Amino acid sequence: MSTIKITVDSGADLLPEVAEELGIEVIPFHLSLGDVSFDDGEIAPDDMLQIIAEEKVMPKTSACSPADYAQVFDRILEEDADAEILHLALSSDLTRSFLSALDASETEPRITCLDTQTVTQAYGLIAEKVARYVRDEPDVTMAQALAYAHDLIDRTRLGFVPNDLSFLKAGGRLGNAGFMAAQMLNIRPVIEIEEGKLVVKKKLRGSLKKIVSQFLDEFFTEEPLDREQVLFLFSTGLPEKVREVATRKAEEAGFKEIRWGQAGCVISSHCGPEAFGCVVLRASEADPL
């Protein structure tokens, strides 16, 4: 009987205790600030953003190389002769890491790579649930694990509101004209992931607290959702009053579990400080309400 091991990129923003509990192997992306290079997770995102603010230098991120993946894959398979690996990858539309993982695994039939078509805690939620599934169902096959993962990918919804748009501009995801207009008019985009791509769904005006409140009112009612759990994402500096309004909105919407998680260095390098995000699962056909 084979054992399915789950691997992910650090852009999943998994809580360390969750990764340890479920045996999920996290493979770090790489970053640089000026002449200094480091792996995601080596420094706290708070410290990274403080360096950015003080030294006026924007971060650059690098996806894992095929060699990075091969090193981890080889070690896992050497340690467990019966192991299979299911690598869950960050959206291939946003990084080449998925292609690197495919390159590293092309000659090894015991490795399967799957594009989750999402990022950060939505990506992490898929990995967590798949890992719990294969742990709790020891006889599960790779085909069954893939079917379970595909269902989660289809049902996962992520939306976020960046507050400091200079990070999106530096990353080439926001033009200069759009940046200047948003700054002058106090407008923030609401961005969702659709089929792996970043899509601006709407633009809201006002304070961050007001924008988050309006965003969640719509996000929680636009389609049937699984009300078991909602995940909130924040980056360094998100005001407490914004967290309070988000928690209240989730309670009013009937979510049984509300969980907060911080964006790691890779995600923070793109969304900047004071960003807010929300992850939910669409209701399954068996539970449409």
C-alpha atoms as a PDB file:
ATOM      1  CA  MET A   1       0.000   0.000   0.000  1.00  0.00           C
ATOM      2  CA  SER A   2       1.470   3.340  -1.056  1.00  0.00           C
ATOM      3  CA  THR A   3       1.527   6.491   1.039  1.00  0.00           C
ATOM      4  CA  ILE A   4       0.585   9.774  -0.630  1.00  0.00           C
ATOM      5  CA  LYS A   5       2.819  12.657   0.424  1.00  0.00           C
ATOM      6  CA  ILE A   6       1.653  16.221  -0.210  1.00  0.00           C
ATOM      7  CA  THR A   7       4.083  18.956  -1.243  1.00  0.00           C
ATOM      8  CA  VAL A   8       3.342  22.646  -1.824  1.00  0.00           C
ATOM      9  CA  ASP A   9       5.088  25.910  -2.576  1.00  0.00           C
ATOM     10  CA  SER A  10       5.553  28.475   0.199  1.00  0.00           C
ATOM     11  CA  GLY A  11       3.010  30.698  -1.564  1.00  0.00           C
ATOM     12  CA  ALA A  12       0.317  28.523   0.034  1.00  0.00           C
ATOM     13  CA  ASP A  13       0.843  30.477   3.287  1.00  0.00           C
ATOM     14  CA  LEU A  14       0.170  27.363   5.362  1.00  0.00           C
ATOM     15  CA  LEU A  15       0.336  27.782   9.110  1.00  0.00           C
ATOM     16  CA  PRO A  16       3.518  25.978  10.239  1.00  0.00           C
ATOM     17  CA  GLU A  17       1.595  23.929  12.787  1.00  0.00           C
ATOM     18  CA  VAL A  18      -0.849  22.750  10.096  1.00  0.00           C
ATOM     19  CA  ALA A  19       1.971  21.718   7.757  1.00  0.00           C
ATOM     20  CA  GLU A  20       3.696  19.853  10.593  1.00  0.00           C
ATOM     21  CA  GLU A  21       0.524  18.111  11.770  1.00  0.00           C
ATOM     22  CA  LEU A  22      -0.330  16.866   8.290  1.00  0.00           C
ATOM     23  CA  GLY A  23       3.206  16.165   7.081  1.00  0.00           C
ATOM     24  CA  ILE A  24       2.961  18.650   4.219  1.00  0.00           C
ATOM     25  CA  GLU A  25       6.363  19.499   2.750  1.00  0.00           C
ATOM     26  CA  VAL A  26       6.669  23.229   1.995  1.00  0.00           C
ATOM     27  CA  ILE A  27       9.172  24.177  -0.723  1.00  0.00           C
ATOM     28  CA  PRO A  28      10.217  27.838  -0.420  1.00  0.00           C
ATOM     29  CA  PHE A  29      10.210  30.431  -3.150  1.00  0.00           C
ATOM     30  CA  HIS A  30      13.146  32.852  -3.252  1.00  0.00           C
ATOM     31  CA  LEU A  31      13.226  36.617  -2.745  1.00  0.00           C
ATOM     32  CA  SER A  32      15.704  39.444  -3.021  1.00  0.00           C
ATOM     33  CA  LEU A  33      15.848  42.936  -1.535  1.00  0.00           C
ATOM     34  CA  GLY A  34      18.583  44.840  -3.260  1.00  0.00           C
ATOM     35  CA  ASP A  35      21.718  42.732  -2.842  1.00  0.00           C
ATOM     36  CA  VAL A  36      20.232  40.492  -0.156  1.00  0.00           C
ATOM     37  CA  SER A  37      18.643  37.153  -1.158  1.00  0.00           C
ATOM     38  CA  PHE A  38      16.657  34.823   1.078  1.00  0.00           C
ATOM     39  CA  ASP A  39      14.114  32.016   1.015  1.00  0.00           C
ATOM     40  CA  ASP A  40      10.479  32.607   1.848  1.00  0.00           C
ATOM     41  CA  GLY A  41      10.108  31.900   5.559  1.00  0.00           C
ATOM     42  CA  GLU A  42      13.653  32.842   6.534  1.00  0.00           C
ATOM     43  CA  ILE A  43      12.537  36.270   7.733  1.00  0.00           C
ATOM     44  CA  ALA A  44       9.158  37.441   8.969  1.00  0.00           C
ATOM     45  CA  PRO A  45       6.986  39.376   6.514  1.00  0.00           C
ATOM     46  CA  ASP A  46       6.773  42.201   9.074  1.00  0.00           C
ATOM     47  CA  ASP A  47      10.568  42.532   8.981  1.00  0.00           C
ATOM     48  CA  MET A  48      10.659  42.405   5.190  1.00  0.00           C
ATOM     49  CA  LEU A  49       8.079  45.168   4.836  1.00  0.00           C
ATOM     50  CA  GLN A  50       9.912  47.268   7.409  1.00  0.00           C
ATOM     51  CA  ILE A  51      13.129  46.970   5.370  1.00  0.00           C
ATOM     52  CA  ILE A  52      11.199  47.958   2.243  1.00  0.00           C
ATOM     53  CA  ALA A  53       9.790  51.042   3.990  1.00  0.00           C
ATOM     54  CA  GLU A  54      13.143  52.092   5.426  1.00  0.00           C
ATOM     55  CA  GLU A  55      15.386  51.413   2.437  1.00  0.00           C
ATOM     56  CA  LYS A  56      12.879  52.271  -0.320  1.00  0.00           C
ATOM     57  CA  VAL A  57      13.630  49.091  -2.252  1.00  0.00           C
ATOM     58  CA  MET A  58      10.991  46.815  -3.752  1.00  0.00           C
ATOM     59  CA  PRO A  59      11.271  43.027  -3.424  1.00  0.00           C
ATOM     60  CA  LYS A  60      11.723  40.605  -6.279  1.00  0.00           C
ATOM     61  CA  THR A  61      10.463  37.038  -6.139  1.00  0.00           C
ATOM     62  CA  SER A  62      11.767  33.933  -7.885  1.00  0.00           C
ATOM     63  CA  ALA A  63       9.891  30.665  -8.288  1.00  0.00           C
ATOM     64  CA  CYS A  64      11.441  27.358  -7.332  1.00  0.00           C
ATOM     65  CA  SER A  65      13.703  25.811  -9.945  1.00  0.00           C
ATOM     66  CA  PRO A  66      13.476  22.197 -11.163  1.00  0.00           C
ATOM     67  CA  ALA A  67      16.525  21.493  -8.977  1.00  0.00           C
ATOM     68  CA  ASP A  68      14.706  22.818  -5.899  1.00  0.00           C
ATOM     69  CA  TYR A  69      11.850  20.404  -6.503  1.00  0.00           C
ATOM     70  CA  ALA A  70      14.061  17.488  -7.458  1.00  0.00           C
ATOM     71  CA  GLN A  71      15.964  17.774  -4.191  1.00  0.00           C
ATOM     72  CA  VAL A  72      12.768  17.485  -2.138  1.00  0.00           C
ATOM     73  CA  PHE A  73      11.102  14.865  -4.338  1.00  0.00           C
ATOM     74  CA  ASP A  74      14.199  12.634  -4.332  1.00  0.00           C
ATOM     75  CA  ARG A  75      14.534  12.823  -0.557  1.00  0.00           C
ATOM     76  CA  ILE A  76      10.893  11.886   0.041  1.00  0.00           C
ATOM     77  CA  LEU A  77      11.063   8.893  -2.302  1.00  0.00           C
ATOM     78  CA  GLU A  78      14.370   7.711  -0.823  1.00  0.00           C
ATOM     79  CA  GLU A  79      12.990   7.901   2.723  1.00  0.00           C
ATOM     80  CA  ASP A  80       9.837   5.943   1.840  1.00  0.00           C
ATOM     81  CA  ALA A  81      10.044   3.338  -0.900  1.00  0.00           C
ATOM     82  CA  ASP A  82       6.235   3.045  -0.937  1.00  0.00           C
ATOM     83  CA  ALA A  83       5.571   6.763  -1.219  1.00  0.00           C
ATOM     84  CA  GLU A  84       3.805   8.615  -3.989  1.00  0.00           C
ATOM     85  CA  ILE A  85       3.970  12.408  -4.191  1.00  0.00           C
ATOM     86  CA  LEU A  86       1.110  14.725  -5.040  1.00  0.00           C
ATOM     87  CA  HIS A  87       2.576  18.173  -5.629  1.00  0.00           C
ATOM     88  CA  LEU A  88      -0.025  20.897  -5.435  1.00  0.00           C
ATOM     89  CA  ALA A  89       1.250  23.995  -7.233  1.00  0.00           C
ATOM     90  CA  LEU A  90       0.511  27.705  -7.112  1.00  0.00           C
ATOM     91  CA  SER A  91      -1.392  28.969 -10.157  1.00  0.00           C
ATOM     92  CA  SER A  92       0.641  28.407 -13.315  1.00  0.00           C
ATOM     93  CA  ASP A  93      -0.747  31.667 -14.752  1.00  0.00           C
ATOM     94  CA  LEU A  94       1.091  33.624 -12.072  1.00  0.00           C
ATOM     95  CA  THR A  95       4.442  31.797 -11.846  1.00  0.00           C
ATOM     96  CA  ARG A  96       6.484  29.187 -13.697  1.00  0.00           C
ATOM     97  CA  SER A  97       6.845  27.006 -10.585  1.00  0.00           C
ATOM     98  CA  PHE A  98       4.332  24.459 -11.876  1.00  0.00           C
ATOM     99  CA  LEU A  99       6.405  23.954 -15.027  1.00  0.00           C
ATOM    100  CA  SER A 100       9.538  23.571 -12.906  1.00  0.00           C
ATOM    101  CA  ALA A 101       7.828  20.889 -10.813  1.00  0.00           C
ATOM    102  CA  LEU A 102       6.783  19.086 -13.996  1.00  0.00           C
ATOM    103  CA  ASP A 103      10.366  19.219 -15.276  1.00  0.00           C
ATOM    104  CA  ALA A 104      11.633  17.766 -11.985  1.00  0.00           C
ATOM    105  CA  SER A 105       9.126  14.915 -12.036  1.00  0.00           C
ATOM    106  CA  GLU A 106       8.933  13.970 -15.726  1.00  0.00           C
ATOM    107  CA  THR A 107      10.933  10.733 -15.345  1.00  0.00           C
ATOM    108  CA  GLU A 108       9.375   9.614 -12.062  1.00  0.00           C
ATOM    109  CA  PRO A 109       5.909   7.996 -12.344  1.00  0.00           C
ATOM    110  CA  ARG A 110       5.383   8.173  -8.585  1.00  0.00           C
ATOM    111  CA  ILE A 111       5.098  11.993  -8.722  1.00  0.00           C
ATOM    112  CA  THR A 112       1.905  13.769  -9.816  1.00  0.00           C
ATOM    113  CA  CYS A 113       1.739  17.563 -10.167  1.00  0.00           C
ATOM    114  CA  LEU A 114      -1.525  19.511 -10.069  1.00  0.00           C
ATOM    115  CA  ASP A 115      -2.119  23.212 -10.738  1.00  0.00           C
ATOM    116  CA  THR A 116      -4.446  24.545  -8.015  1.00  0.00           C
ATOM    117  CA  GLN A 117      -5.178  27.669 -10.100  1.00  0.00           C
ATOM    118  CA  THR A 118      -5.030  29.875  -7.020  1.00  0.00           C
ATOM    119  CA  VAL A 119      -2.678  31.398  -4.446  1.00  0.00           C
ATOM    120  CA  THR A 120      -2.085  32.087  -0.756  1.00  0.00           C
ATOM    121  CA  GLN A 121      -4.655  30.749   1.726  1.00  0.00           C
ATOM    122  CA  ALA A 122      -7.021  29.475  -0.969  1.00  0.00           C
ATOM    123  CA  TYR A 123      -4.130  27.360  -2.210  1.00  0.00           C
ATOM    124  CA  GLY A 124      -3.282  26.425   1.374  1.00  0.00           C
ATOM    125  CA  LEU A 125      -6.876  25.414   2.116  1.00  0.00           C
ATOM    126  CA  ILE A 126      -6.881  23.010  -0.834  1.00  0.00           C
ATOM    127  CA  ALA A 127      -3.589  21.483   0.332  1.00  0.00           C
ATOM    128  CA  GLU A 128      -4.788  21.165   3.922  1.00  0.00           C
ATOM    129  CA  LYS A 129      -8.029  19.447   2.984  1.00  0.00           C
ATOM    130  CA  VAL A 130      -6.339  17.062   0.526  1.00  0.00           C
ATOM    131  CA  ALA A 131      -3.726  16.178   3.152  1.00  0.00           C
ATOM    132  CA  ARG A 132      -6.413  15.463   5.741  1.00  0.00           C
ATOM    133  CA  TYR A 133      -8.281  13.344   3.205  1.00  0.00           C
ATOM    134  CA  VAL A 134      -5.318  11.112   2.359  1.00  0.00           C
ATOM    135  CA  ARG A 135      -4.372  10.849   6.047  1.00  0.00           C
ATOM    136  CA  ASP A 136      -7.870   9.860   7.176  1.00  0.00           C
ATOM    137  CA  GLU A 137      -8.438   7.494   4.225  1.00  0.00           C
ATOM    138  CA  PRO A 138      -5.240   5.378   4.179  1.00  0.00           C
ATOM    139  CA  ASP A 139      -6.426   3.226   1.272  1.00  0.00           C
ATOM    140  CA  VAL A 140      -7.102   6.204  -1.008  1.00  0.00           C
ATOM    141  CA  THR A 141      -5.589   6.031  -4.488  1.00  0.00           C
ATOM    142  CA  MET A 142      -3.869   8.852  -6.330  1.00  0.00           C
ATOM    143  CA  ALA A 143      -6.828   8.996  -8.728  1.00  0.00           C
ATOM    144  CA  GLN A 144      -9.205   9.486  -5.804  1.00  0.00           C
ATOM    145  CA  ALA A 145      -6.973  12.144  -4.252  1.00  0.00           C
ATOM    146  CA  LEU A 146      -6.876  13.977  -7.577  1.00  0.00           C
ATOM    147  CA  ALA A 147     -10.653  13.840  -7.933  1.00  0.00           C
ATOM    148  CA  TYR A 148     -11.017  15.236  -4.416  1.00  0.00           C
ATOM    149  CA  ALA A 149      -8.513  18.016  -5.164  1.00  0.00           C
ATOM    150  CA  HIS A 150     -10.213  18.948  -8.445  1.00  0.00           C
ATOM    151  CA  ASP A 151     -13.546  19.331  -6.648  1.00  0.00           C
ATOM    152  CA  LEU A 152     -11.925  21.697  -4.138  1.00  0.00           C
ATOM    153  CA  ILE A 153     -10.237  23.691  -6.904  1.00  0.00           C
ATOM    154  CA  ASP A 154     -13.599  24.160  -8.641  1.00  0.00           C
ATOM    155  CA  ARG A 155     -15.265  25.284  -5.398  1.00  0.00           C
ATOM    156  CA  THR A 156     -12.598  27.540  -3.893  1.00  0.00           C
ATOM    157  CA  ARG A 157     -13.112  31.281  -4.164  1.00  0.00           C
ATOM    158  CA  LEU A 158     -10.546  33.939  -3.236  1.00  0.00           C
ATOM    159  CA  GLY A 159     -10.994  37.702  -3.254  1.00  0.00           C
ATOM    160  CA  PHE A 160      -8.718  40.364  -1.857  1.00  0.00           C
ATOM    161  CA  VAL A 161      -8.319  44.101  -1.497  1.00  0.00           C
ATOM    162  CA  PRO A 162      -4.793  45.570  -1.636  1.00  0.00           C
ATOM    163  CA  ASN A 163      -4.320  48.852   0.192  1.00  0.00           C
ATOM    164  CA  ASP A 164      -0.856  49.921  -1.003  1.00  0.00           C
ATOM    165  CA  LEU A 165      -1.099  49.738  -4.783  1.00  0.00           C
ATOM    166  CA  SER A 166       2.575  50.560  -5.309  1.00  0.00           C
ATOM    167  CA  PHE A 167       3.382  46.844  -4.877  1.00  0.00           C
ATOM    168  CA  LEU A 168       1.021  45.831  -7.687  1.00  0.00           C
ATOM    169  CA  LYS A 169       2.465  48.620  -9.820  1.00  0.00           C
ATOM    170  CA  ALA A 170       6.049  47.475  -9.134  1.00  0.00           C
ATOM    171  CA  GLY A 171       5.080  43.919 -10.070  1.00  0.00           C
ATOM    172  CA  GLY A 172       3.674  45.061 -13.402  1.00  0.00           C
ATOM    173  CA  ARG A 173       0.064  44.211 -12.508  1.00  0.00           C
ATOM    174  CA  LEU A 174      -1.134  47.836 -12.403  1.00  0.00           C
ATOM    175  CA  GLY A 175      -0.315  50.547 -14.922  1.00  0.00           C
ATOM    176  CA  ASN A 176       0.916  54.001 -13.932  1.00  0.00           C
ATOM    177  CA  ALA A 177      -2.285  55.740 -15.055  1.00  0.00           C
ATOM    178  CA  GLY A 178      -4.455  53.357 -13.045  1.00  0.00           C
ATOM    179  CA  PHE A 179      -2.172  53.753 -10.045  1.00  0.00           C
ATOM    180  CA  MET A 180      -2.319  57.564 -10.132  1.00  0.00           C
ATOM    181  CA  ALA A 181      -6.102  57.633 -10.579  1.00  0.00           C
ATOM    182  CA  ALA A 182      -6.665  55.205  -7.699  1.00  0.00           C
ATOM    183  CA  GLN A 183      -4.391  57.216  -5.412  1.00  0.00           C
ATOM    184  CA  MET A 184      -6.105  60.514  -6.171  1.00  0.00           C
ATOM    185  CA  LEU A 185      -9.667  59.179  -5.914  1.00  0.00           C
ATOM    186  CA  ASN A 186      -9.094  56.837  -2.938  1.00  0.00           C
ATOM    187  CA  ILE A 187     -10.177  53.837  -5.024  1.00  0.00           C
ATOM    188  CA  ARG A 188      -9.150  50.248  -4.340  1.00  0.00           C
ATOM    189  CA  PRO A 189      -9.665  47.298  -6.668  1.00  0.00           C
ATOM    190  CA  VAL A 190     -11.384  44.120  -5.534  1.00  0.00           C
ATOM    191  CA  ILE A 191      -9.385  41.312  -7.129  1.00  0.00           C
ATOM    192  CA  GLU A 192     -10.443  37.691  -7.480  1.00  0.00           C
ATOM    193  CA  ILE A 193      -8.730  34.618  -8.867  1.00  0.00           C
ATOM    194  CA  GLU A 194     -10.608  33.161 -11.822  1.00  0.00           C
ATOM    195  CA  GLU A 195      -9.174  30.101 -13.580  1.00  0.00           C
ATOM    196  CA  GLY A 196      -5.794  30.953 -12.131  1.00  0.00           C
ATOM    197  CA  LYS A 197      -5.749  34.581 -13.271  1.00  0.00           C
ATOM    198  CA  LEU A 198      -6.000  37.829 -11.294  1.00  0.00           C
ATOM    199  CA  VAL A 199      -9.206  39.603 -12.318  1.00  0.00           C
ATOM    200  CA  VAL A 200     -10.332  43.042 -11.134  1.00  0.00           C
ATOM    201  CA  LYS A 201     -14.006  42.448 -10.346  1.00  0.00           C
ATOM    202  CA  LYS A 202     -14.882  45.960  -9.195  1.00  0.00           C
ATOM    203  CA  LYS A 203     -13.413  49.173  -7.849  1.00  0.00           C
ATOM    204  CA  LEU A 204     -14.610  50.550  -4.534  1.00  0.00           C
ATOM    205  CA  ARG A 205     -14.084  53.977  -3.035  1.00  0.00           C
ATOM    206  CA  GLY A 206     -13.665  55.038   0.575  1.00  0.00           C
ATOM    207  CA  SER A 207     -11.809  53.961   3.675  1.00  0.00           C
ATOM    208  CA  LEU A 208     -10.390  50.447   3.836  1.00  0.00           C
ATOM    209  CA  LYS A 209     -12.914  49.575   6.540  1.00  0.00           C
ATOM    210  CA  LYS A 210     -15.811  50.710   4.356  1.00  0.00           C
ATOM    211  CA  ILE A 211     -14.438  48.901   1.306  1.00  0.00           C
ATOM    212  CA  VAL A 212     -13.921  45.609   3.178  1.00  0.00           C
ATOM    213  CA  SER A 213     -17.443  45.810   4.623  1.00  0.00           C
ATOM    214  CA  GLN A 214     -18.994  46.332   1.185  1.00  0.00           C
ATOM    215  CA  PHE A 215     -16.764  43.680  -0.385  1.00  0.00           C
ATOM    216  CA  LEU A 216     -17.832  41.018   2.155  1.00  0.00           C
ATOM    217  CA  ASP A 217     -21.526  41.924   1.913  1.00  0.00           C
ATOM    218  CA  GLU A 218     -21.357  41.054  -1.777  1.00  0.00           C
ATOM    219  CA  PHE A 219     -18.838  38.192  -1.519  1.00  0.00           C
ATOM    220  CA  PHE A 220     -20.976  36.299   1.004  1.00  0.00           C
ATOM    221  CA  THR A 221     -24.238  36.621  -0.948  1.00  0.00           C
ATOM    222  CA  GLU A 222     -23.368  36.358  -4.649  1.00  0.00           C
ATOM    223  CA  GLU A 223     -23.618  32.546  -4.730  1.00  0.00           C
ATOM    224  CA  PRO A 224     -24.363  29.605  -2.390  1.00  0.00           C
ATOM    225  CA  LEU A 225     -21.467  28.957  -0.010  1.00  0.00           C
ATOM    226  CA  ASP A 226     -20.329  26.249   2.371  1.00  0.00           C
ATOM    227  CA  ARG A 227     -20.786  27.975   5.732  1.00  0.00           C
ATOM    228  CA  GLU A 228     -18.532  25.644   7.697  1.00  0.00           C
ATOM    229  CA  GLN A 229     -15.447  27.837   7.429  1.00  0.00           C
ATOM    230  CA  VAL A 230     -14.163  31.186   6.194  1.00  0.00           C
ATOM    231  CA  LEU A 231     -10.504  32.149   6.010  1.00  0.00           C
ATOM    232  CA  PHE A 232      -9.341  35.739   6.241  1.00  0.00           C
ATOM    233  CA  LEU A 233      -5.950  36.789   4.947  1.00  0.00           C
ATOM    234  CA  PHE A 234      -4.079  39.850   6.174  1.00  0.00           C
ATOM    235  CA  SER A 235      -0.711  41.422   5.584  1.00  0.00           C
ATOM    236  CA  THR A 236       1.328  43.497   8.002  1.00  0.00           C
ATOM    237  CA  GLY A 237      -0.400  46.585   9.354  1.00  0.00           C
ATOM    238  CA  LEU A 238      -4.029  45.720   8.643  1.00  0.00           C
ATOM    239  CA  PRO A 239      -5.965  47.901  11.116  1.00  0.00           C
ATOM    240  CA  GLU A 240      -7.718  46.140  13.968  1.00  0.00           C
ATOM    241  CA  LYS A 241     -10.977  47.918  13.092  1.00  0.00           C
ATOM    242  CA  VAL A 242     -10.912  46.202   9.686  1.00  0.00           C
ATOM    243  CA  ARG A 243     -10.397  42.815  11.327  1.00  0.00           C
ATOM    244  CA  GLU A 244     -13.292  43.515  13.670  1.00  0.00           C
ATOM    245  CA  VAL A 245     -15.713  44.395  10.863  1.00  0.00           C
ATOM    246  CA  ALA A 246     -14.670  41.312   8.850  1.00  0.00           C
ATOM    247  CA  THR A 247     -15.195  39.003  11.825  1.00  0.00           C
ATOM    248  CA  ARG A 248     -18.587  40.525  12.509  1.00  0.00           C
ATOM    249  CA  LYS A 249     -19.652  40.130   8.875  1.00  0.00           C
ATOM    250  CA  ALA A 250     -18.626  36.452   8.906  1.00  0.00           C
ATOM    251  CA  GLU A 251     -20.559  35.833  12.132  1.00  0.00           C
ATOM    252  CA  GLU A 252     -23.644  37.520  10.697  1.00  0.00           C
ATOM    253  CA  ALA A 253     -23.293  35.407   7.534  1.00  0.00           C
ATOM    254  CA  GLY A 254     -23.430  32.226   9.612  1.00  0.00           C
ATOM    255  CA  PHE A 255     -19.910  30.820   9.228  1.00  0.00           C
ATOM    256  CA  LYS A 256     -19.162  28.271  11.941  1.00  0.00           C
ATOM    257  CA  GLU A 257     -15.372  28.687  11.931  1.00  0.00           C
ATOM    258  CA  ILE A 258     -13.516  31.944  11.299  1.00  0.00           C
ATOM    259  CA  ARG A 259      -9.757  31.721  10.820  1.00  0.00           C
ATOM    260  CA  TRP A 260      -7.169  34.418  10.242  1.00  0.00           C
ATOM    261  CA  GLY A 261      -3.765  33.896   8.624  1.00  0.00           C
ATOM    262  CA  GLN A 262      -0.943  36.218   7.668  1.00  0.00           C
ATOM    263  CA  ALA A 263       0.489  36.504   4.178  1.00  0.00           C
ATOM    264  CA  GLY A 264       4.067  35.298   3.908  1.00  0.00           C
ATOM    265  CA  CYS A 265       6.905  37.195   2.269  1.00  0.00           C
ATOM    266  CA  VAL A 266       6.140  36.093  -1.298  1.00  0.00           C
ATOM    267  CA  ILE A 267       2.483  37.093  -1.148  1.00  0.00           C
ATOM    268  CA  SER A 268       3.240  40.265   0.834  1.00  0.00           C
ATOM    269  CA  SER A 269       5.784  41.300  -1.790  1.00  0.00           C
ATOM    270  CA  HIS A 270       2.924  41.508  -4.300  1.00  0.00           C
ATOM    271  CA  CYS A 271       0.003  42.726  -2.192  1.00  0.00           C
ATOM    272  CA  GLY A 272       1.960  45.045   0.124  1.00  0.00           C
ATOM    273  CA  PRO A 273       1.038  46.009   3.689  1.00  0.00           C
ATOM    274  CA  GLU A 274      -2.516  46.348   5.009  1.00  0.00           C
ATOM    275  CA  ALA A 275      -4.007  43.996   2.428  1.00  0.00           C
ATOM    276  CA  PHE A 276      -7.141  41.997   3.192  1.00  0.00           C
ATOM    277  CA  GLY A 277      -8.379  38.786   1.625  1.00  0.00           C
ATOM    278  CA  CYS A 278     -11.167  36.251   2.030  1.00  0.00           C
ATOM    279  CA  VAL A 279     -11.347  32.559   1.093  1.00  0.00           C
ATOM    280  CA  VAL A 280     -14.563  30.540   0.993  1.00  0.00           C
ATOM    281  CA  LEU A 281     -15.793  27.320  -0.544  1.00  0.00           C
ATOM    282  CA  ARG A 282     -18.772  27.301  -2.829  1.00  0.00           C
ATOM    283  CA  ALA A 283     -21.506  24.927  -1.674  1.00  0.00           C
ATOM    284  CA  SER A 284     -21.280  21.433  -3.131  1.00  0.00           C
ATOM    285  CA  GLU A 285     -24.160  20.032  -5.156  1.00  0.00           C
ATOM    286  CA  ALA A 286     -25.032  17.838  -2.199  1.00  0.00           C
ATOM    287  CA  ASP A 287     -25.276  20.888   0.061  1.00  0.00           C
ATOM    288  CA  PRO A 288     -26.553  23.802  -2.042  1.00  0.00           C
ATOM    289  CA  LEU A 289     -27.423  26.111   0.847  1.00  0.00           C
END
